[in-house]
Amino acid sequence: MKAEDIKQVLFQIAEEEERLRKKANPYDVVIQFAEEMMENAGKKNAKIYEEIIDLLTEKKESENC
């Protein structure tokens, strides 16, 4: 694969990711971000992210009912 081909594929992936992100439930986007942050956080901070994720999940589920 040529560099230009790789660049085009990466551009298409980025466009698709942006399209899906716009369609996604805002809670899902924030929960996913918090999960990524939790993975990179220290043990103490990971607990905080875990609590945030739980609260967002509860809020999302209560609005979907």
PDB file of N, CA and C in Angstrom:
ATOM      1  N   MET A   1       0.830  -1.179   0.000  1.00  0.00           N
ATOM      2  CA  MET A   1       0.000   0.000   0.000  1.00  0.00           C
ATOM      3  C   MET A   1       0.877   1.245   0.000  1.00  0.00           C
ATOM      4  N   LYS A   2       0.496   2.177  -0.819  1.00  0.00           N
ATOM      5  CA  LYS A   2       1.231   3.434  -0.878  1.00  0.00           C
ATOM      6  C   LYS A   2       0.800   4.347   0.266  1.00  0.00           C
ATOM      7  N   ALA A   3       1.641   5.287   0.578  1.00  0.00           N
ATOM      8  CA  ALA A   3       1.343   6.234   1.654  1.00  0.00           C
ATOM      9  C   ALA A   3       0.040   6.983   1.387  1.00  0.00           C
ATOM     10  N   GLU A   4      -0.196   7.342   0.134  1.00  0.00           N
ATOM     11  CA  GLU A   4      -1.426   8.058  -0.214  1.00  0.00           C
ATOM     12  C   GLU A   4      -2.648   7.187   0.031  1.00  0.00           C
ATOM     13  N   ASP A   5      -2.547   5.885  -0.250  1.00  0.00           N
ATOM     14  CA  ASP A   5      -3.656   4.961   0.005  1.00  0.00           C
ATOM     15  C   ASP A   5      -3.942   4.860   1.496  1.00  0.00           C
ATOM     16  N   ILE A   6      -2.890   4.749   2.283  1.00  0.00           N
ATOM     17  CA  ILE A   6      -3.036   4.663   3.738  1.00  0.00           C
ATOM     18  C   ILE A   6      -3.672   5.938   4.270  1.00  0.00           C
ATOM     19  N   LYS A   7      -3.222   7.070   3.767  1.00  0.00           N
ATOM     20  CA  LYS A   7      -3.774   8.358   4.188  1.00  0.00           C
ATOM     21  C   LYS A   7      -5.271   8.419   3.880  1.00  0.00           C
ATOM     22  N   GLN A   8      -5.673   7.939   2.703  1.00  0.00           N
ATOM     23  CA  GLN A   8      -7.078   7.969   2.315  1.00  0.00           C
ATOM     24  C   GLN A   8      -7.911   7.059   3.218  1.00  0.00           C
ATOM     25  N   VAL A   9      -7.395   5.878   3.547  1.00  0.00           N
ATOM     26  CA  VAL A   9      -8.110   4.951   4.424  1.00  0.00           C
ATOM     27  C   VAL A   9      -8.279   5.564   5.811  1.00  0.00           C
ATOM     28  N   LEU A  10      -7.234   6.153   6.333  1.00  0.00           N
ATOM     29  CA  LEU A  10      -7.308   6.800   7.645  1.00  0.00           C
ATOM     30  C   LEU A  10      -8.312   7.954   7.635  1.00  0.00           C
ATOM     31  N   PHE A  11      -8.353   8.695   6.550  1.00  0.00           N
ATOM     32  CA  PHE A  11      -9.312   9.789   6.430  1.00  0.00           C
ATOM     33  C   PHE A  11     -10.744   9.244   6.439  1.00  0.00           C
ATOM     34  N   GLN A  12     -10.978   8.139   5.733  1.00  0.00           N
ATOM     35  CA  GLN A  12     -12.307   7.534   5.694  1.00  0.00           C
ATOM     36  C   GLN A  12     -12.717   7.012   7.073  1.00  0.00           C
ATOM     37  N   ILE A  13     -11.779   6.427   7.776  1.00  0.00           N
ATOM     38  CA  ILE A  13     -12.059   5.940   9.136  1.00  0.00           C
ATOM     39  C   ILE A  13     -12.430   7.107  10.041  1.00  0.00           C
ATOM     40  N   ALA A  14     -11.689   8.199   9.949  1.00  0.00           N
ATOM     41  CA  ALA A  14     -11.971   9.377  10.773  1.00  0.00           C
ATOM     42  C   ALA A  14     -13.350   9.947  10.454  1.00  0.00           C
ATOM     43  N   GLU A  15     -13.712   9.990   9.183  1.00  0.00           N
ATOM     44  CA  GLU A  15     -15.040  10.493   8.800  1.00  0.00           C
ATOM     45  C   GLU A  15     -16.143   9.601   9.363  1.00  0.00           C
ATOM     46  N   GLU A  16     -15.957   8.292   9.271  1.00  0.00           N
ATOM     47  CA  GLU A  16     -16.960   7.353   9.780  1.00  0.00           C
ATOM     48  C   GLU A  16     -17.083   7.462  11.295  1.00  0.00           C
ATOM     49  N   GLU A  17     -15.957   7.589  11.987  1.00  0.00           N
ATOM     50  CA  GLU A  17     -15.975   7.737  13.433  1.00  0.00           C
ATOM     51  C   GLU A  17     -16.733   9.003  13.830  1.00  0.00           C
ATOM     52  N   GLU A  18     -16.500  10.093  13.117  1.00  0.00           N
ATOM     53  CA  GLU A  18     -17.193  11.353  13.406  1.00  0.00           C
ATOM     54  C   GLU A  18     -18.691  11.214  13.151  1.00  0.00           C
ATOM     55  N   ARG A  19     -19.059  10.544  12.079  1.00  0.00           N
ATOM     56  CA  ARG A  19     -20.473  10.338  11.757  1.00  0.00           C
ATOM     57  C   ARG A  19     -21.155   9.525  12.850  1.00  0.00           C
ATOM     58  N   LEU A  20     -20.498   8.460  13.297  1.00  0.00           N
ATOM     59  CA  LEU A  20     -21.069   7.626  14.348  1.00  0.00           C
ATOM     60  C   LEU A  20     -21.142   8.374  15.671  1.00  0.00           C
ATOM     61  N   ARG A  21     -20.143   9.176  15.948  1.00  0.00           N
ATOM     62  CA  ARG A  21     -20.129   9.942  17.200  1.00  0.00           C
ATOM     63  C   ARG A  21     -21.299  10.927  17.245  1.00  0.00           C
ATOM     64  N   LYS A  22     -21.618  11.527  16.106  1.00  0.00           N
ATOM     65  CA  LYS A  22     -22.737  12.471  16.052  1.00  0.00           C
ATOM     66  C   LYS A  22     -24.066  11.764  16.270  1.00  0.00           C
ATOM     67  N   LYS A  23     -24.165  10.504  15.846  1.00  0.00           N
ATOM     68  CA  LYS A  23     -25.397   9.745  16.019  1.00  0.00           C
ATOM     69  C   LYS A  23     -25.510   9.138  17.417  1.00  0.00           C
ATOM     70  N   ALA A  24     -24.405   9.011  18.093  1.00  0.00           N
ATOM     71  CA  ALA A  24     -24.364   8.315  19.375  1.00  0.00           C
ATOM     72  C   ALA A  24     -25.118   9.086  20.456  1.00  0.00           C
ATOM     73  N   ASN A  25     -25.597   8.333  21.408  1.00  0.00           N
ATOM     74  CA  ASN A  25     -26.213   8.909  22.598  1.00  0.00           C
ATOM     75  C   ASN A  25     -25.129   9.688  23.351  1.00  0.00           C
ATOM     76  N   PRO A  26     -25.399  10.933  23.725  1.00  0.00           N
ATOM     77  CA  PRO A  26     -24.372  11.720  24.431  1.00  0.00           C
ATOM     78  C   PRO A  26     -23.844  11.028  25.691  1.00  0.00           C
ATOM     79  N   TYR A  27     -24.709  10.305  26.388  1.00  0.00           N
ATOM     80  CA  TYR A  27     -24.249   9.586  27.576  1.00  0.00           C
ATOM     81  C   TYR A  27     -23.223   8.515  27.194  1.00  0.00           C
ATOM     82  N   ASP A  28     -23.461   7.823  26.089  1.00  0.00           N
ATOM     83  CA  ASP A  28     -22.527   6.793  25.650  1.00  0.00           C
ATOM     84  C   ASP A  28     -21.153   7.386  25.355  1.00  0.00           C
ATOM     85  N   VAL A  29     -21.139   8.552  24.727  1.00  0.00           N
ATOM     86  CA  VAL A  29     -19.875   9.206  24.389  1.00  0.00           C
ATOM     87  C   VAL A  29     -19.112   9.575  25.660  1.00  0.00           C
ATOM     88  N   VAL A  30     -19.809  10.153  26.629  1.00  0.00           N
ATOM     89  CA  VAL A  30     -19.161  10.561  27.876  1.00  0.00           C
ATOM     90  C   VAL A  30     -18.723   9.339  28.687  1.00  0.00           C
ATOM     91  N   ILE A  31     -19.559   8.309  28.714  1.00  0.00           N
ATOM     92  CA  ILE A  31     -19.202   7.080  29.433  1.00  0.00           C
ATOM     93  C   ILE A  31     -17.957   6.460  28.809  1.00  0.00           C
ATOM     94  N   GLN A  32     -17.905   6.407  27.488  1.00  0.00           N
ATOM     95  CA  GLN A  32     -16.731   5.849  26.817  1.00  0.00           C
ATOM     96  C   GLN A  32     -15.482   6.659  27.160  1.00  0.00           C
ATOM     97  N   PHE A  33     -15.602   7.972  27.155  1.00  0.00           N
ATOM     98  CA  PHE A  33     -14.470   8.834  27.505  1.00  0.00           C
ATOM     99  C   PHE A  33     -14.020   8.574  28.942  1.00  0.00           C
ATOM    100  N   ALA A  34     -14.989   8.472  29.855  1.00  0.00           N
ATOM    101  CA  ALA A  34     -14.652   8.218  31.256  1.00  0.00           C
ATOM    102  C   ALA A  34     -13.974   6.860  31.424  1.00  0.00           C
ATOM    103  N   GLU A  35     -14.416   5.867  30.666  1.00  0.00           N
ATOM    104  CA  GLU A  35     -13.782   4.548  30.735  1.00  0.00           C
ATOM    105  C   GLU A  35     -12.335   4.615  30.265  1.00  0.00           C
ATOM    106  N   GLU A  36     -12.096   5.372  29.190  1.00  0.00           N
ATOM    107  CA  GLU A  36     -10.726   5.538  28.699  1.00  0.00           C
ATOM    108  C   GLU A  36      -9.863   6.265  29.728  1.00  0.00           C
ATOM    109  N   MET A  37     -10.431   7.282  30.360  1.00  0.00           N
ATOM    110  CA  MET A  37      -9.687   8.022  31.376  1.00  0.00           C
ATOM    111  C   MET A  37      -9.396   7.133  32.585  1.00  0.00           C
ATOM    112  N   MET A  38     -10.358   6.288  32.943  1.00  0.00           N
ATOM    113  CA  MET A  38     -10.194   5.404  34.091  1.00  0.00           C
ATOM    114  C   MET A  38      -9.033   4.433  33.861  1.00  0.00           C
ATOM    115  N   GLU A  39      -8.895   3.956  32.623  1.00  0.00           N
ATOM    116  CA  GLU A  39      -7.805   3.044  32.304  1.00  0.00           C
ATOM    117  C   GLU A  39      -6.442   3.692  32.522  1.00  0.00           C
ATOM    118  N   ASN A  40      -6.366   4.990  32.296  1.00  0.00           N
ATOM    119  CA  ASN A  40      -5.097   5.707  32.416  1.00  0.00           C
ATOM    120  C   ASN A  40      -4.887   6.337  33.793  1.00  0.00           C
ATOM    121  N   ALA A  41      -5.910   6.293  34.621  1.00  0.00           N
ATOM    122  CA  ALA A  41      -5.838   6.938  35.933  1.00  0.00           C
ATOM    123  C   ALA A  41      -5.142   6.031  36.943  1.00  0.00           C
ATOM    124  N   GLY A  42      -4.671   6.652  37.978  1.00  0.00           N
ATOM    125  CA  GLY A  42      -4.125   5.881  39.088  1.00  0.00           C
ATOM    126  C   GLY A  42      -5.261   5.209  39.844  1.00  0.00           C
ATOM    127  N   LYS A  43      -4.920   4.366  40.795  1.00  0.00           N
ATOM    128  CA  LYS A  43      -5.936   3.606  41.533  1.00  0.00           C
ATOM    129  C   LYS A  43      -6.959   4.517  42.221  1.00  0.00           C
ATOM    130  N   LYS A  44      -6.484   5.580  42.844  1.00  0.00           N
ATOM    131  CA  LYS A  44      -7.378   6.495  43.562  1.00  0.00           C
ATOM    132  C   LYS A  44      -8.335   7.196  42.595  1.00  0.00           C
ATOM    133  N   ASN A  45      -7.805   7.704  41.494  1.00  0.00           N
ATOM    134  CA  ASN A  45      -8.630   8.403  40.516  1.00  0.00           C
ATOM    135  C   ASN A  45      -9.544   7.457  39.750  1.00  0.00           C
ATOM    136  N   ALA A  46      -9.129   6.221  39.569  1.00  0.00           N
ATOM    137  CA  ALA A  46      -9.958   5.245  38.856  1.00  0.00           C
ATOM    138  C   ALA A  46     -11.287   5.053  39.574  1.00  0.00           C
ATOM    139  N   LYS A  47     -11.267   5.085  40.888  1.00  0.00           N
ATOM    140  CA  LYS A  47     -12.493   4.938  41.672  1.00  0.00           C
ATOM    141  C   LYS A  47     -13.461   6.083  41.375  1.00  0.00           C
ATOM    142  N   ILE A  48     -12.942   7.275  41.235  1.00  0.00           N
ATOM    143  CA  ILE A  48     -13.776   8.436  40.917  1.00  0.00           C
ATOM    144  C   ILE A  48     -14.432   8.246  39.550  1.00  0.00           C
ATOM    145  N   TYR A  49     -13.646   7.824  38.571  1.00  0.00           N
ATOM    146  CA  TYR A  49     -14.202   7.598  37.233  1.00  0.00           C
ATOM    147  C   TYR A  49     -15.247   6.479  37.266  1.00  0.00           C
ATOM    148  N   GLU A  50     -15.004   5.470  38.055  1.00  0.00           N
ATOM    149  CA  GLU A  50     -15.964   4.373  38.181  1.00  0.00           C
ATOM    150  C   GLU A  50     -17.304   4.895  38.713  1.00  0.00           C
ATOM    151  N   GLU A  51     -17.256   5.762  39.699  1.00  0.00           N
ATOM    152  CA  GLU A  51     -18.478   6.350  40.248  1.00  0.00           C
ATOM    153  C   GLU A  51     -19.179   7.237  39.214  1.00  0.00           C
ATOM    154  N   ILE A  52     -18.410   7.999  38.455  1.00  0.00           N
ATOM    155  CA  ILE A  52     -18.985   8.843  37.403  1.00  0.00           C
ATOM    156  C   ILE A  52     -19.682   7.974  36.361  1.00  0.00           C
ATOM    157  N   ILE A  53     -19.036   6.905  35.952  1.00  0.00           N
ATOM    158  CA  ILE A  53     -19.616   5.997  34.960  1.00  0.00           C
ATOM    159  C   ILE A  53     -20.914   5.398  35.484  1.00  0.00           C
ATOM    160  N   ASP A  54     -20.919   4.989  36.740  1.00  0.00           N
ATOM    161  CA  ASP A  54     -22.143   4.426  37.333  1.00  0.00           C
ATOM    162  C   ASP A  54     -23.279   5.450  37.329  1.00  0.00           C
ATOM    163  N   LEU A  55     -22.980   6.686  37.722  1.00  0.00           N
ATOM    164  CA  LEU A  55     -24.006   7.739  37.744  1.00  0.00           C
ATOM    165  C   LEU A  55     -24.530   8.042  36.344  1.00  0.00           C
ATOM    166  N   LEU A  56     -23.636   8.132  35.377  1.00  0.00           N
ATOM    167  CA  LEU A  56     -24.060   8.406  34.001  1.00  0.00           C
ATOM    168  C   LEU A  56     -24.900   7.260  33.440  1.00  0.00           C
ATOM    169  N   THR A  57     -24.518   6.046  33.761  1.00  0.00           N
ATOM    170  CA  THR A  57     -25.271   4.880  33.293  1.00  0.00           C
ATOM    171  C   THR A  57     -26.672   4.885  33.882  1.00  0.00           C
ATOM    172  N   GLU A  58     -26.783   5.173  35.172  1.00  0.00           N
ATOM    173  CA  GLU A  58     -28.102   5.259  35.815  1.00  0.00           C
ATOM    174  C   GLU A  58     -28.957   6.349  35.177  1.00  0.00           C
ATOM    175  N   LYS A  59     -28.361   7.506  34.936  1.00  0.00           N
ATOM    176  CA  LYS A  59     -29.083   8.629  34.334  1.00  0.00           C
ATOM    177  C   LYS A  59     -29.556   8.266  32.924  1.00  0.00           C
ATOM    178  N   LYS A  60     -28.685   7.652  32.161  1.00  0.00           N
ATOM    179  CA  LYS A  60     -29.021   7.245  30.798  1.00  0.00           C
ATOM    180  C   LYS A  60     -30.188   6.259  30.803  1.00  0.00           C
ATOM    181  N   GLU A  61     -30.117   5.265  31.678  1.00  0.00           N
ATOM    182  CA  GLU A  61     -31.164   4.247  31.746  1.00  0.00           C
ATOM    183  C   GLU A  61     -32.492   4.836  32.213  1.00  0.00           C
ATOM    184  N   SER A  62     -32.442   5.798  33.136  1.00  0.00           N
ATOM    185  CA  SER A  62     -33.680   6.406  33.621  1.00  0.00           C
ATOM    186  C   SER A  62     -34.349   7.259  32.538  1.00  0.00           C
ATOM    187  N   GLU A  63     -33.565   7.858  31.657  1.00  0.00           N
ATOM    188  CA  GLU A  63     -34.127   8.666  30.577  1.00  0.00           C
ATOM    189  C   GLU A  63     -34.642   7.816  29.431  1.00  0.00           C
ATOM    190  N   ASN A  64     -34.114   6.605  29.297  1.00  0.00           N
ATOM    191  CA  ASN A  64     -34.541   5.715  28.214  1.00  0.00           C
ATOM    192  C   ASN A  64     -35.832   4.986  28.535  1.00  0.00           C
ATOM    193  N   CYS A  65     -36.244   5.000  29.789  1.00  0.00           N
ATOM    194  CA  CYS A  65     -37.462   4.279  30.176  1.00  0.00           C
ATOM    195  C   CYS A  65     -38.719   5.046  29.832  1.00  0.00           C
TER     196      CYS A  65
END
